[in-house]
Amino acid sequence: AKNVMKQAKIDFENGEYRWVAQVLKNVVMADPNNTEAKNLLAD
């Protein structure tokens, strides 16, 4: 998850929102208690 979050933050800053949403769904489904992932997915 840490590695996914690192890449997702970069892609979010680059405006690749559709891909970030796809990727972070997997992180949240794997661990619904990952607050950092849920907040970035919400953003």
PDB file of all heavy atoms in Angstrom:
ATOM      1  N   ALA A   1       0.815  -1.217   0.000  1.00  0.00           N
ATOM      2  CA  ALA A   1       0.000   0.000   0.000  1.00  0.00           C
ATOM      3  C   ALA A   1       0.846   1.264   0.000  1.00  0.00           C
ATOM      4  O   ALA A   1       0.505   2.258  -0.654  1.00  0.00           O
ATOM      5  CB  ALA A   1      -0.934  -0.009   1.208  1.00  0.00           C
ATOM      6  N   LYS A   2       1.964   1.275   0.724  1.00  0.00           N
ATOM      7  CA  LYS A   2       2.798   2.479   0.768  1.00  0.00           C
ATOM      8  C   LYS A   2       3.331   2.827  -0.612  1.00  0.00           C
ATOM      9  O   LYS A   2       3.361   4.006  -1.001  1.00  0.00           O
ATOM     10  CB  LYS A   2       3.941   2.282   1.752  1.00  0.00           C
ATOM     11  CG  LYS A   2       3.511   2.302   3.217  1.00  0.00           C
ATOM     12  CD  LYS A   2       4.703   2.211   4.145  1.00  0.00           C
ATOM     13  CE  LYS A   2       4.264   2.281   5.604  1.00  0.00           C
ATOM     14  NZ  LYS A   2       5.421   2.195   6.543  1.00  0.00           N
ATOM     15  N   ASN A   3       3.729   1.821  -1.343  1.00  0.00           N
ATOM     16  CA  ASN A   3       4.247   2.062  -2.692  1.00  0.00           C
ATOM     17  C   ASN A   3       3.141   2.547  -3.623  1.00  0.00           C
ATOM     18  O   ASN A   3       3.353   3.455  -4.439  1.00  0.00           O
ATOM     19  CB  ASN A   3       4.881   0.793  -3.251  1.00  0.00           C
ATOM     20  CG  ASN A   3       5.674   1.056  -4.521  1.00  0.00           C
ATOM     21  OD1 ASN A   3       6.548   1.920  -4.547  1.00  0.00           O
ATOM     22  ND2 ASN A   3       5.359   0.335  -5.580  1.00  0.00           N
ATOM     23  N   VAL A   4       1.953   1.950  -3.485  1.00  0.00           N
ATOM     24  CA  VAL A   4       0.821   2.401  -4.302  1.00  0.00           C
ATOM     25  C   VAL A   4       0.496   3.855  -3.989  1.00  0.00           C
ATOM     26  O   VAL A   4       0.272   4.673  -4.896  1.00  0.00           O
ATOM     27  CB  VAL A   4      -0.415   1.512  -4.055  1.00  0.00           C
ATOM     28  CG1 VAL A   4      -1.620   2.050  -4.838  1.00  0.00           C
ATOM     29  CG2 VAL A   4      -0.149   0.075  -4.452  1.00  0.00           C
ATOM     30  N   MET A   5       0.475   4.202  -2.705  1.00  0.00           N
ATOM     31  CA  MET A   5       0.157   5.571  -2.316  1.00  0.00           C
ATOM     32  C   MET A   5       1.182   6.560  -2.865  1.00  0.00           C
ATOM     33  O   MET A   5       0.824   7.657  -3.312  1.00  0.00           O
ATOM     34  CB  MET A   5       0.084   5.677  -0.791  1.00  0.00           C
ATOM     35  CG  MET A   5      -1.140   5.026  -0.170  1.00  0.00           C
ATOM     36  SD  MET A   5      -2.682   5.771  -0.742  1.00  0.00           S
ATOM     37  CE  MET A   5      -2.461   7.459  -0.177  1.00  0.00           C
ATOM     38  N   LYS A   6       2.433   6.176  -2.840  1.00  0.00           N
ATOM     39  CA  LYS A   6       3.476   7.055  -3.368  1.00  0.00           C
ATOM     40  C   LYS A   6       3.231   7.375  -4.840  1.00  0.00           C
ATOM     41  O   LYS A   6       3.302   8.533  -5.271  1.00  0.00           O
ATOM     42  CB  LYS A   6       4.845   6.394  -3.183  1.00  0.00           C
ATOM     43  CG  LYS A   6       6.007   7.213  -3.714  1.00  0.00           C
ATOM     44  CD  LYS A   6       7.327   6.473  -3.508  1.00  0.00           C
ATOM     45  CE  LYS A   6       8.506   7.253  -4.099  1.00  0.00           C
ATOM     46  NZ  LYS A   6       9.793   6.527  -3.917  1.00  0.00           N
ATOM     47  N   GLN A   7       2.915   6.338  -5.624  1.00  0.00           N
ATOM     48  CA  GLN A   7       2.664   6.536  -7.052  1.00  0.00           C
ATOM     49  C   GLN A   7       1.353   7.292  -7.278  1.00  0.00           C
ATOM     50  O   GLN A   7       1.259   8.156  -8.167  1.00  0.00           O
ATOM     51  CB  GLN A   7       2.618   5.176  -7.764  1.00  0.00           C
ATOM     52  CG  GLN A   7       3.910   4.383  -7.700  1.00  0.00           C
ATOM     53  CD  GLN A   7       5.050   5.104  -8.405  1.00  0.00           C
ATOM     54  OE1 GLN A   7       4.862   5.719  -9.449  1.00  0.00           O
ATOM     55  NE2 GLN A   7       6.238   5.050  -7.821  1.00  0.00           N
ATOM     56  N   ALA A   8       0.353   6.981  -6.452  1.00  0.00           N
ATOM     57  CA  ALA A   8      -0.958   7.609  -6.621  1.00  0.00           C
ATOM     58  C   ALA A   8      -0.899   9.111  -6.354  1.00  0.00           C
ATOM     59  O   ALA A   8      -1.556   9.904  -7.032  1.00  0.00           O
ATOM     60  CB  ALA A   8      -1.976   6.943  -5.693  1.00  0.00           C
ATOM     61  N   LYS A   9      -0.110   9.505  -5.382  1.00  0.00           N
ATOM     62  CA  LYS A   9       0.025  10.933  -5.091  1.00  0.00           C
ATOM     63  C   LYS A   9       0.659  11.680  -6.270  1.00  0.00           C
ATOM     64  O   LYS A   9       0.250  12.800  -6.596  1.00  0.00           O
ATOM     65  CB  LYS A   9       0.861  11.134  -3.832  1.00  0.00           C
ATOM     66  CG  LYS A   9       0.143  10.717  -2.553  1.00  0.00           C
ATOM     67  CD  LYS A   9       1.067  10.817  -1.336  1.00  0.00           C
ATOM     68  CE  LYS A   9       0.370  10.359  -0.068  1.00  0.00           C
ATOM     69  NZ  LYS A   9       1.262  10.376   1.114  1.00  0.00           N
ATOM     70  N   ILE A  10       1.625  11.046  -6.896  1.00  0.00           N
ATOM     71  CA  ILE A  10       2.263  11.664  -8.068  1.00  0.00           C
ATOM     72  C   ILE A  10       1.251  11.815  -9.197  1.00  0.00           C
ATOM     73  O   ILE A  10       1.139  12.882  -9.837  1.00  0.00           O
ATOM     74  CB  ILE A  10       3.474  10.825  -8.526  1.00  0.00           C
ATOM     75  CG1 ILE A  10       4.571  10.851  -7.457  1.00  0.00           C
ATOM     76  CG2 ILE A  10       4.002  11.321  -9.875  1.00  0.00           C
ATOM     77  CD1 ILE A  10       5.712   9.883  -7.725  1.00  0.00           C
ATOM     78  N   ASP A  11       0.494  10.747  -9.446  1.00  0.00           N
ATOM     79  CA  ASP A  11      -0.496  10.798 -10.523  1.00  0.00           C
ATOM     80  C   ASP A  11      -1.616  11.778 -10.204  1.00  0.00           C
ATOM     81  O   ASP A  11      -2.158  12.436 -11.112  1.00  0.00           O
ATOM     82  CB  ASP A  11      -1.073   9.403 -10.776  1.00  0.00           C
ATOM     83  CG  ASP A  11      -0.115   8.519 -11.575  1.00  0.00           C
ATOM     84  OD1 ASP A  11       0.818   9.066 -12.185  1.00  0.00           O
ATOM     85  OD2 ASP A  11      -0.307   7.282 -11.577  1.00  0.00           O
ATOM     86  N   PHE A  12      -1.991  11.906  -8.933  1.00  0.00           N
ATOM     87  CA  PHE A  12      -3.001  12.897  -8.556  1.00  0.00           C
ATOM     88  C   PHE A  12      -2.500  14.298  -8.872  1.00  0.00           C
ATOM     89  O   PHE A  12      -3.243  15.124  -9.436  1.00  0.00           O
ATOM     90  CB  PHE A  12      -3.333  12.782  -7.066  1.00  0.00           C
ATOM     91  CG  PHE A  12      -4.386  13.759  -6.606  1.00  0.00           C
ATOM     92  CD1 PHE A  12      -5.729  13.438  -6.662  1.00  0.00           C
ATOM     93  CD2 PHE A  12      -4.022  15.020  -6.120  1.00  0.00           C
ATOM     94  CE1 PHE A  12      -6.695  14.354  -6.247  1.00  0.00           C
ATOM     95  CE2 PHE A  12      -4.981  15.934  -5.700  1.00  0.00           C
ATOM     96  CZ  PHE A  12      -6.329  15.596  -5.771  1.00  0.00           C
ATOM     97  N   GLU A  13      -1.262  14.579  -8.524  1.00  0.00           N
ATOM     98  CA  GLU A  13      -0.693  15.904  -8.808  1.00  0.00           C
ATOM     99  C   GLU A  13      -0.589  16.162 -10.304  1.00  0.00           C
ATOM    100  O   GLU A  13      -0.560  17.321 -10.725  1.00  0.00           O
ATOM    101  CB  GLU A  13       0.689  16.027  -8.161  1.00  0.00           C
ATOM    102  CG  GLU A  13       0.653  16.030  -6.634  1.00  0.00           C
ATOM    103  CD  GLU A  13      -0.194  17.160  -6.078  1.00  0.00           C
ATOM    104  OE1 GLU A  13      -0.167  18.272  -6.652  1.00  0.00           O
ATOM    105  OE2 GLU A  13      -0.905  16.937  -5.072  1.00  0.00           O
ATOM    106  N   ASN A  14      -0.576  15.095 -11.107  1.00  0.00           N
ATOM    107  CA  ASN A  14      -0.529  15.226 -12.569  1.00  0.00           C
ATOM    108  C   ASN A  14      -1.916  15.211 -13.200  1.00  0.00           C
ATOM    109  O   ASN A  14      -2.042  15.197 -14.431  1.00  0.00           O
ATOM    110  CB  ASN A  14       0.319  14.112 -13.177  1.00  0.00           C
ATOM    111  CG  ASN A  14       1.799  14.298 -12.877  1.00  0.00           C
ATOM    112  OD1 ASN A  14       2.279  15.426 -12.737  1.00  0.00           O
ATOM    113  ND2 ASN A  14       2.527  13.194 -12.770  1.00  0.00           N
ATOM    114  N   GLY A  15      -2.957  15.170 -12.366  1.00  0.00           N
ATOM    115  CA  GLY A  15      -4.328  15.235 -12.876  1.00  0.00           C
ATOM    116  C   GLY A  15      -4.853  13.945 -13.467  1.00  0.00           C
ATOM    117  O   GLY A  15      -5.875  13.964 -14.171  1.00  0.00           O
ATOM    118  N   GLU A  16      -4.221  12.818 -13.165  1.00  0.00           N
ATOM    119  CA  GLU A  16      -4.666  11.531 -13.720  1.00  0.00           C
ATOM    120  C   GLU A  16      -5.695  10.899 -12.781  1.00  0.00           C
ATOM    121  O   GLU A  16      -5.497   9.821 -12.224  1.00  0.00           O
ATOM    122  CB  GLU A  16      -3.467  10.611 -13.945  1.00  0.00           C
ATOM    123  CG  GLU A  16      -2.484  11.157 -14.970  1.00  0.00           C
ATOM    124  CD  GLU A  16      -1.341  10.191 -15.259  1.00  0.00           C
ATOM    125  OE1 GLU A  16      -1.609   8.979 -15.404  1.00  0.00           O
ATOM    126  OE2 GLU A  16      -0.191  10.661 -15.328  1.00  0.00           O
ATOM    127  N   TYR A  17      -6.828  11.577 -12.637  1.00  0.00           N
ATOM    128  CA  TYR A  17      -7.781  11.212 -11.600  1.00  0.00           C
ATOM    129  C   TYR A  17      -8.476   9.880 -11.874  1.00  0.00           C
ATOM    130  O   TYR A  17      -8.762   9.126 -10.933  1.00  0.00           O
ATOM    131  CB  TYR A  17      -8.820  12.327 -11.438  1.00  0.00           C
ATOM    132  CG  TYR A  17      -8.208  13.677 -11.139  1.00  0.00           C
ATOM    133  CD1 TYR A  17      -8.521  14.796 -11.909  1.00  0.00           C
ATOM    134  CD2 TYR A  17      -7.295  13.828 -10.086  1.00  0.00           C
ATOM    135  CE1 TYR A  17      -7.952  16.035 -11.642  1.00  0.00           C
ATOM    136  CE2 TYR A  17      -6.721  15.072  -9.813  1.00  0.00           C
ATOM    137  CZ  TYR A  17      -7.054  16.163 -10.602  1.00  0.00           C
ATOM    138  OH  TYR A  17      -6.485  17.372 -10.343  1.00  0.00           O
ATOM    139  N   ARG A  18      -8.770   9.595 -13.114  1.00  0.00           N
ATOM    140  CA  ARG A  18      -9.460   8.332 -13.414  1.00  0.00           C
ATOM    141  C   ARG A  18      -8.587   7.141 -13.001  1.00  0.00           C
ATOM    142  O   ARG A  18      -9.080   6.170 -12.409  1.00  0.00           O
ATOM    143  CB  ARG A  18      -9.803   8.243 -14.900  1.00  0.00           C
ATOM    144  CG  ARG A  18     -10.905   9.200 -15.343  1.00  0.00           C
ATOM    145  CD  ARG A  18     -11.043   9.220 -16.847  1.00  0.00           C
ATOM    146  NE  ARG A  18     -11.417   7.915 -17.382  1.00  0.00           N
ATOM    147  CZ  ARG A  18     -11.273   7.572 -18.655  1.00  0.00           C
ATOM    148  NH1 ARG A  18     -10.742   8.431 -19.531  1.00  0.00           N
ATOM    149  NH2 ARG A  18     -11.662   6.378 -19.075  1.00  0.00           N
ATOM    150  N   TRP A  19      -7.305   7.206 -13.299  1.00  0.00           N
ATOM    151  CA  TRP A  19      -6.410   6.106 -12.958  1.00  0.00           C
ATOM    152  C   TRP A  19      -6.195   6.022 -11.446  1.00  0.00           C
ATOM    153  O   TRP A  19      -6.199   4.928 -10.874  1.00  0.00           O
ATOM    154  CB  TRP A  19      -5.073   6.264 -13.677  1.00  0.00           C
ATOM    155  CG  TRP A  19      -4.066   5.215 -13.280  1.00  0.00           C
ATOM    156  CD1 TRP A  19      -2.865   5.404 -12.683  1.00  0.00           C
ATOM    157  CD2 TRP A  19      -4.204   3.792 -13.437  1.00  0.00           C
ATOM    158  NE1 TRP A  19      -2.234   4.214 -12.455  1.00  0.00           N
ATOM    159  CE2 TRP A  19      -3.036   3.203 -12.908  1.00  0.00           C
ATOM    160  CE3 TRP A  19      -5.202   2.973 -13.963  1.00  0.00           C
ATOM    161  CZ2 TRP A  19      -2.829   1.823 -12.897  1.00  0.00           C
ATOM    162  CZ3 TRP A  19      -5.002   1.594 -13.953  1.00  0.00           C
ATOM    163  CH2 TRP A  19      -3.828   1.034 -13.424  1.00  0.00           C
ATOM    164  N   VAL A  20      -6.059   7.164 -10.812  1.00  0.00           N
ATOM    165  CA  VAL A  20      -5.876   7.162  -9.360  1.00  0.00           C
ATOM    166  C   VAL A  20      -7.095   6.519  -8.683  1.00  0.00           C
ATOM    167  O   VAL A  20      -6.960   5.733  -7.738  1.00  0.00           O
ATOM    168  CB  VAL A  20      -5.649   8.591  -8.831  1.00  0.00           C
ATOM    169  CG1 VAL A  20      -5.621   8.611  -7.302  1.00  0.00           C
ATOM    170  CG2 VAL A  20      -4.342   9.160  -9.385  1.00  0.00           C
ATOM    171  N   ALA A  21      -8.285   6.820  -9.182  1.00  0.00           N
ATOM    172  CA  ALA A  21      -9.502   6.234  -8.620  1.00  0.00           C
ATOM    173  C   ALA A  21      -9.504   4.719  -8.782  1.00  0.00           C
ATOM    174  O   ALA A  21      -9.880   3.986  -7.853  1.00  0.00           O
ATOM    175  CB  ALA A  21     -10.734   6.845  -9.286  1.00  0.00           C
ATOM    176  N   GLN A  22      -9.094   4.240  -9.948  1.00  0.00           N
ATOM    177  CA  GLN A  22      -9.048   2.796 -10.173  1.00  0.00           C
ATOM    178  C   GLN A  22      -8.066   2.114  -9.220  1.00  0.00           C
ATOM    179  O   GLN A  22      -8.377   1.084  -8.616  1.00  0.00           O
ATOM    180  CB  GLN A  22      -8.615   2.508 -11.615  1.00  0.00           C
ATOM    181  CG  GLN A  22      -9.722   2.591 -12.646  1.00  0.00           C
ATOM    182  CD  GLN A  22      -9.209   2.220 -14.028  1.00  0.00           C
ATOM    183  OE1 GLN A  22      -8.917   3.087 -14.836  1.00  0.00           O
ATOM    184  NE2 GLN A  22      -9.094   0.940 -14.287  1.00  0.00           N
ATOM    185  N   VAL A  23      -6.895   2.690  -9.097  1.00  0.00           N
ATOM    186  CA  VAL A  23      -5.846   2.065  -8.290  1.00  0.00           C
ATOM    187  C   VAL A  23      -6.201   2.091  -6.811  1.00  0.00           C
ATOM    188  O   VAL A  23      -6.079   1.083  -6.102  1.00  0.00           O
ATOM    189  CB  VAL A  23      -4.493   2.767  -8.539  1.00  0.00           C
ATOM    190  CG1 VAL A  23      -3.455   2.286  -7.541  1.00  0.00           C
ATOM    191  CG2 VAL A  23      -4.020   2.509  -9.965  1.00  0.00           C
ATOM    192  N   LEU A  24      -6.663   3.251  -6.324  1.00  0.00           N
ATOM    193  CA  LEU A  24      -6.931   3.369  -4.896  1.00  0.00           C
ATOM    194  C   LEU A  24      -8.148   2.567  -4.453  1.00  0.00           C
ATOM    195  O   LEU A  24      -8.258   2.203  -3.269  1.00  0.00           O
ATOM    196  CB  LEU A  24      -7.094   4.838  -4.518  1.00  0.00           C
ATOM    197  CG  LEU A  24      -5.812   5.675  -4.572  1.00  0.00           C
ATOM    198  CD1 LEU A  24      -6.084   7.097  -4.120  1.00  0.00           C
ATOM    199  CD2 LEU A  24      -4.717   5.058  -3.708  1.00  0.00           C
ATOM    200  N   LYS A  25      -9.051   2.268  -5.366  1.00  0.00           N
ATOM    201  CA  LYS A  25     -10.147   1.364  -5.017  1.00  0.00           C
ATOM    202  C   LYS A  25      -9.580   0.043  -4.506  1.00  0.00           C
ATOM    203  O   LYS A  25     -10.081  -0.523  -3.521  1.00  0.00           O
ATOM    204  CB  LYS A  25     -11.065   1.130  -6.219  1.00  0.00           C
ATOM    205  CG  LYS A  25     -12.169   0.115  -5.932  1.00  0.00           C
ATOM    206  CD  LYS A  25     -12.978  -0.218  -7.177  1.00  0.00           C
ATOM    207  CE  LYS A  25     -13.996  -1.315  -6.877  1.00  0.00           C
ATOM    208  NZ  LYS A  25     -14.768  -1.712  -8.079  1.00  0.00           N
ATOM    209  N   ASN A  26      -8.534  -0.448  -5.156  1.00  0.00           N
ATOM    210  CA  ASN A  26      -7.927  -1.704  -4.730  1.00  0.00           C
ATOM    211  C   ASN A  26      -7.322  -1.597  -3.332  1.00  0.00           C
ATOM    212  O   ASN A  26      -7.440  -2.513  -2.514  1.00  0.00           O
ATOM    213  CB  ASN A  26      -6.856  -2.126  -5.734  1.00  0.00           C
ATOM    214  CG  ASN A  26      -7.443  -2.531  -7.067  1.00  0.00           C
ATOM    215  OD1 ASN A  26      -8.245  -3.451  -7.146  1.00  0.00           O
ATOM    216  ND2 ASN A  26      -7.045  -1.834  -8.120  1.00  0.00           N
ATOM    217  N   VAL A  27      -6.693  -0.475  -3.049  1.00  0.00           N
ATOM    218  CA  VAL A  27      -6.088  -0.293  -1.729  1.00  0.00           C
ATOM    219  C   VAL A  27      -7.166  -0.278  -0.647  1.00  0.00           C
ATOM    220  O   VAL A  27      -7.032  -0.913   0.401  1.00  0.00           O
ATOM    221  CB  VAL A  27      -5.256   1.007  -1.683  1.00  0.00           C
ATOM    222  CG1 VAL A  27      -4.650   1.203  -0.294  1.00  0.00           C
ATOM    223  CG2 VAL A  27      -4.163   0.984  -2.745  1.00  0.00           C
ATOM    224  N   VAL A  28      -8.254   0.447  -0.907  1.00  0.00           N
ATOM    225  CA  VAL A  28      -9.326   0.559   0.083  1.00  0.00           C
ATOM    226  C   VAL A  28     -10.056  -0.772   0.250  1.00  0.00           C
ATOM    227  O   VAL A  28     -10.424  -1.149   1.368  1.00  0.00           O
ATOM    228  CB  VAL A  28     -10.299   1.686  -0.310  1.00  0.00           C
ATOM    229  CG1 VAL A  28     -11.519   1.701   0.612  1.00  0.00           C
ATOM    230  CG2 VAL A  28      -9.596   3.045  -0.262  1.00  0.00           C
ATOM    231  N   MET A  29     -10.273  -1.484  -0.846  1.00  0.00           N
ATOM    232  CA  MET A  29     -10.920  -2.785  -0.725  1.00  0.00           C
ATOM    233  C   MET A  29     -10.034  -3.782   0.026  1.00  0.00           C
ATOM    234  O   MET A  29     -10.524  -4.646   0.757  1.00  0.00           O
ATOM    235  CB  MET A  29     -11.287  -3.323  -2.110  1.00  0.00           C
ATOM    236  CG  MET A  29     -12.449  -2.596  -2.762  1.00  0.00           C
ATOM    237  SD  MET A  29     -13.969  -2.753  -1.774  1.00  0.00           S
ATOM    238  CE  MET A  29     -14.967  -1.430  -2.461  1.00  0.00           C
ATOM    239  N   ALA A  30      -8.736  -3.663  -0.156  1.00  0.00           N
ATOM    240  CA  ALA A  30      -7.815  -4.543   0.568  1.00  0.00           C
ATOM    241  C   ALA A  30      -7.729  -4.182   2.041  1.00  0.00           C
ATOM    242  O   ALA A  30      -7.581  -5.056   2.898  1.00  0.00           O
ATOM    243  CB  ALA A  30      -6.419  -4.471  -0.068  1.00  0.00           C
ATOM    244  N   ASP A  31      -7.854  -2.890   2.348  1.00  0.00           N
ATOM    245  CA  ASP A  31      -7.759  -2.437   3.740  1.00  0.00           C
ATOM    246  C   ASP A  31      -8.645  -1.216   3.935  1.00  0.00           C
ATOM    247  O   ASP A  31      -8.206  -0.075   3.752  1.00  0.00           O
ATOM    248  CB  ASP A  31      -6.310  -2.099   4.086  1.00  0.00           C
ATOM    249  CG  ASP A  31      -6.163  -1.606   5.522  1.00  0.00           C
ATOM    250  OD1 ASP A  31      -7.143  -1.708   6.296  1.00  0.00           O
ATOM    251  OD2 ASP A  31      -5.073  -1.103   5.873  1.00  0.00           O
ATOM    252  N   PRO A  32      -9.909  -1.422   4.307  1.00  0.00           N
ATOM    253  CA  PRO A  32     -10.826  -0.289   4.475  1.00  0.00           C
ATOM    254  C   PRO A  32     -10.477   0.619   5.642  1.00  0.00           C
ATOM    255  O   PRO A  32     -11.087   1.684   5.805  1.00  0.00           O
ATOM    256  CB  PRO A  32     -12.179  -0.970   4.692  1.00  0.00           C
ATOM    257  CG  PRO A  32     -11.847  -2.340   5.186  1.00  0.00           C
ATOM    258  CD  PRO A  32     -10.560  -2.717   4.526  1.00  0.00           C
ATOM    259  N   ASN A  33      -9.495   0.251   6.438  1.00  0.00           N
ATOM    260  CA  ASN A  33      -9.058   1.102   7.546  1.00  0.00           C
ATOM    261  C   ASN A  33      -7.875   1.996   7.167  1.00  0.00           C
ATOM    262  O   ASN A  33      -7.351   2.709   8.016  1.00  0.00           O
ATOM    263  CB  ASN A  33      -8.682   0.234   8.750  1.00  0.00           C
ATOM    264  CG  ASN A  33      -9.880  -0.502   9.321  1.00  0.00           C
ATOM    265  OD1 ASN A  33     -10.950   0.076   9.488  1.00  0.00           O
ATOM    266  ND2 ASN A  33      -9.709  -1.786   9.597  1.00  0.00           N
ATOM    267  N   ASN A  34      -7.468   1.958   5.908  1.00  0.00           N
ATOM    268  CA  ASN A  34      -6.356   2.784   5.445  1.00  0.00           C
ATOM    269  C   ASN A  34      -6.884   4.201   5.193  1.00  0.00           C
ATOM    270  O   ASN A  34      -7.368   4.519   4.104  1.00  0.00           O
ATOM    271  CB  ASN A  34      -5.748   2.190   4.172  1.00  0.00           C
ATOM    272  CG  ASN A  34      -4.470   2.885   3.755  1.00  0.00           C
ATOM    273  OD1 ASN A  34      -4.298   4.089   3.944  1.00  0.00           O
ATOM    274  ND2 ASN A  34      -3.556   2.120   3.153  1.00  0.00           N
ATOM    275  N   THR A  35      -6.808   5.030   6.210  1.00  0.00           N
ATOM    276  CA  THR A  35      -7.382   6.372   6.139  1.00  0.00           C
ATOM    277  C   THR A  35      -6.709   7.233   5.088  1.00  0.00           C
ATOM    278  O   THR A  35      -7.367   8.017   4.389  1.00  0.00           O
ATOM    279  CB  THR A  35      -7.280   7.062   7.514  1.00  0.00           C
ATOM    280  OG1 THR A  35      -7.954   6.251   8.481  1.00  0.00           O
ATOM    281  CG2 THR A  35      -7.899   8.451   7.485  1.00  0.00           C
ATOM    282  N   GLU A  36      -5.413   7.103   4.953  1.00  0.00           N
ATOM    283  CA  GLU A  36      -4.688   7.902   3.959  1.00  0.00           C
ATOM    284  C   GLU A  36      -5.197   7.587   2.558  1.00  0.00           C
ATOM    285  O   GLU A  36      -5.417   8.499   1.747  1.00  0.00           O
ATOM    286  CB  GLU A  36      -3.182   7.620   4.050  1.00  0.00           C
ATOM    287  CG  GLU A  36      -2.354   8.501   3.116  1.00  0.00           C
ATOM    288  CD  GLU A  36      -0.870   8.179   3.150  1.00  0.00           C
ATOM    289  OE1 GLU A  36      -0.521   7.047   3.578  1.00  0.00           O
ATOM    290  OE2 GLU A  36      -0.062   9.042   2.743  1.00  0.00           O
ATOM    291  N   ALA A  37      -5.395   6.301   2.262  1.00  0.00           N
ATOM    292  CA  ALA A  37      -5.889   5.904   0.937  1.00  0.00           C
ATOM    293  C   ALA A  37      -7.316   6.392   0.724  1.00  0.00           C
ATOM    294  O   ALA A  37      -7.665   6.885  -0.356  1.00  0.00           O
ATOM    295  CB  ALA A  37      -5.810   4.387   0.789  1.00  0.00           C
ATOM    296  N   LYS A  38      -8.135   6.279   1.753  1.00  0.00           N
ATOM    297  CA  LYS A  38      -9.528   6.725   1.610  1.00  0.00           C
ATOM    298  C   LYS A  38      -9.605   8.228   1.386  1.00  0.00           C
ATOM    299  O   LYS A  38     -10.406   8.707   0.567  1.00  0.00           O
ATOM    300  CB  LYS A  38     -10.331   6.327   2.856  1.00  0.00           C
ATOM    301  CG  LYS A  38     -10.598   4.833   2.948  1.00  0.00           C
ATOM    302  CD  LYS A  38     -11.704   4.497   3.943  1.00  0.00           C
ATOM    303  CE  LYS A  38     -11.322   4.818   5.361  1.00  0.00           C
ATOM    304  NZ  LYS A  38     -12.385   4.390   6.312  1.00  0.00           N
ATOM    305  N   ASN A  39      -8.780   8.981   2.066  1.00  0.00           N
ATOM    306  CA  ASN A  39      -8.810  10.441   1.894  1.00  0.00           C
ATOM    307  C   ASN A  39      -8.339  10.862   0.512  1.00  0.00           C
ATOM    308  O   ASN A  39      -8.909  11.775  -0.093  1.00  0.00           O
ATOM    309  CB  ASN A  39      -7.965  11.107   2.971  1.00  0.00           C
ATOM    310  CG  ASN A  39      -8.641  11.087   4.332  1.00  0.00           C
ATOM    311  OD1 ASN A  39      -9.863  10.948   4.427  1.00  0.00           O
ATOM    312  ND2 ASN A  39      -7.860  11.224   5.399  1.00  0.00           N
ATOM    313  N   LEU A  40      -7.283  10.206   0.008  1.00  0.00           N
ATOM    314  CA  LEU A  40      -6.817  10.554  -1.331  1.00  0.00           C
ATOM    315  C   LEU A  40      -7.835  10.120  -2.383  1.00  0.00           C
ATOM    316  O   LEU A  40      -8.054  10.827  -3.377  1.00  0.00           O
ATOM    317  CB  LEU A  40      -5.449   9.917  -1.611  1.00  0.00           C
ATOM    318  CG  LEU A  40      -4.823  10.279  -2.966  1.00  0.00           C
ATOM    319  CD1 LEU A  40      -4.702  11.791  -3.148  1.00  0.00           C
ATOM    320  CD2 LEU A  40      -3.450   9.614  -3.124  1.00  0.00           C
ATOM    321  N   LEU A  41      -8.473   8.972  -2.168  1.00  0.00           N
ATOM    322  CA  LEU A  41      -9.521   8.545  -3.099  1.00  0.00           C
ATOM    323  C   LEU A  41     -10.693   9.527  -3.063  1.00  0.00           C
ATOM    324  O   LEU A  41     -11.269   9.866  -4.108  1.00  0.00           O
ATOM    325  CB  LEU A  41      -9.990   7.129  -2.748  1.00  0.00           C
ATOM    326  CG  LEU A  41     -11.054   6.510  -3.664  1.00  0.00           C
ATOM    327  CD1 LEU A  41     -10.627   6.532  -5.127  1.00  0.00           C
ATOM    328  CD2 LEU A  41     -11.371   5.085  -3.218  1.00  0.00           C
ATOM    329  N   ALA A  42     -11.028  10.025  -1.886  1.00  0.00           N
ATOM    330  CA  ALA A  42     -12.089  11.028  -1.764  1.00  0.00           C
ATOM    331  C   ALA A  42     -11.717  12.310  -2.500  1.00  0.00           C
ATOM    332  O   ALA A  42     -12.541  12.897  -3.217  1.00  0.00           O
ATOM    333  CB  ALA A  42     -12.373  11.319  -0.294  1.00  0.00           C
ATOM    334  N   ASP A  43     -10.476  12.762  -2.351  1.00  0.00           N
ATOM    335  CA  ASP A  43     -10.018  13.956  -3.074  1.00  0.00           C
ATOM    336  C   ASP A  43     -10.128  13.742  -4.582  1.00  0.00           C
ATOM    337  O   ASP A  43     -10.473  14.665  -5.335  1.00  0.00           O
ATOM    338  CB  ASP A  43      -8.567  14.267  -2.707  1.00  0.00           C
ATOM    339  CG  ASP A  43      -8.393  14.681  -1.245  1.00  0.00           C
ATOM    340  OD1 ASP A  43      -9.406  14.994  -0.587  1.00  0.00           O
ATOM    341  OD2 ASP A  43      -7.233  14.669  -0.770  1.00  0.00           O
TER     342      ASP A  43
END
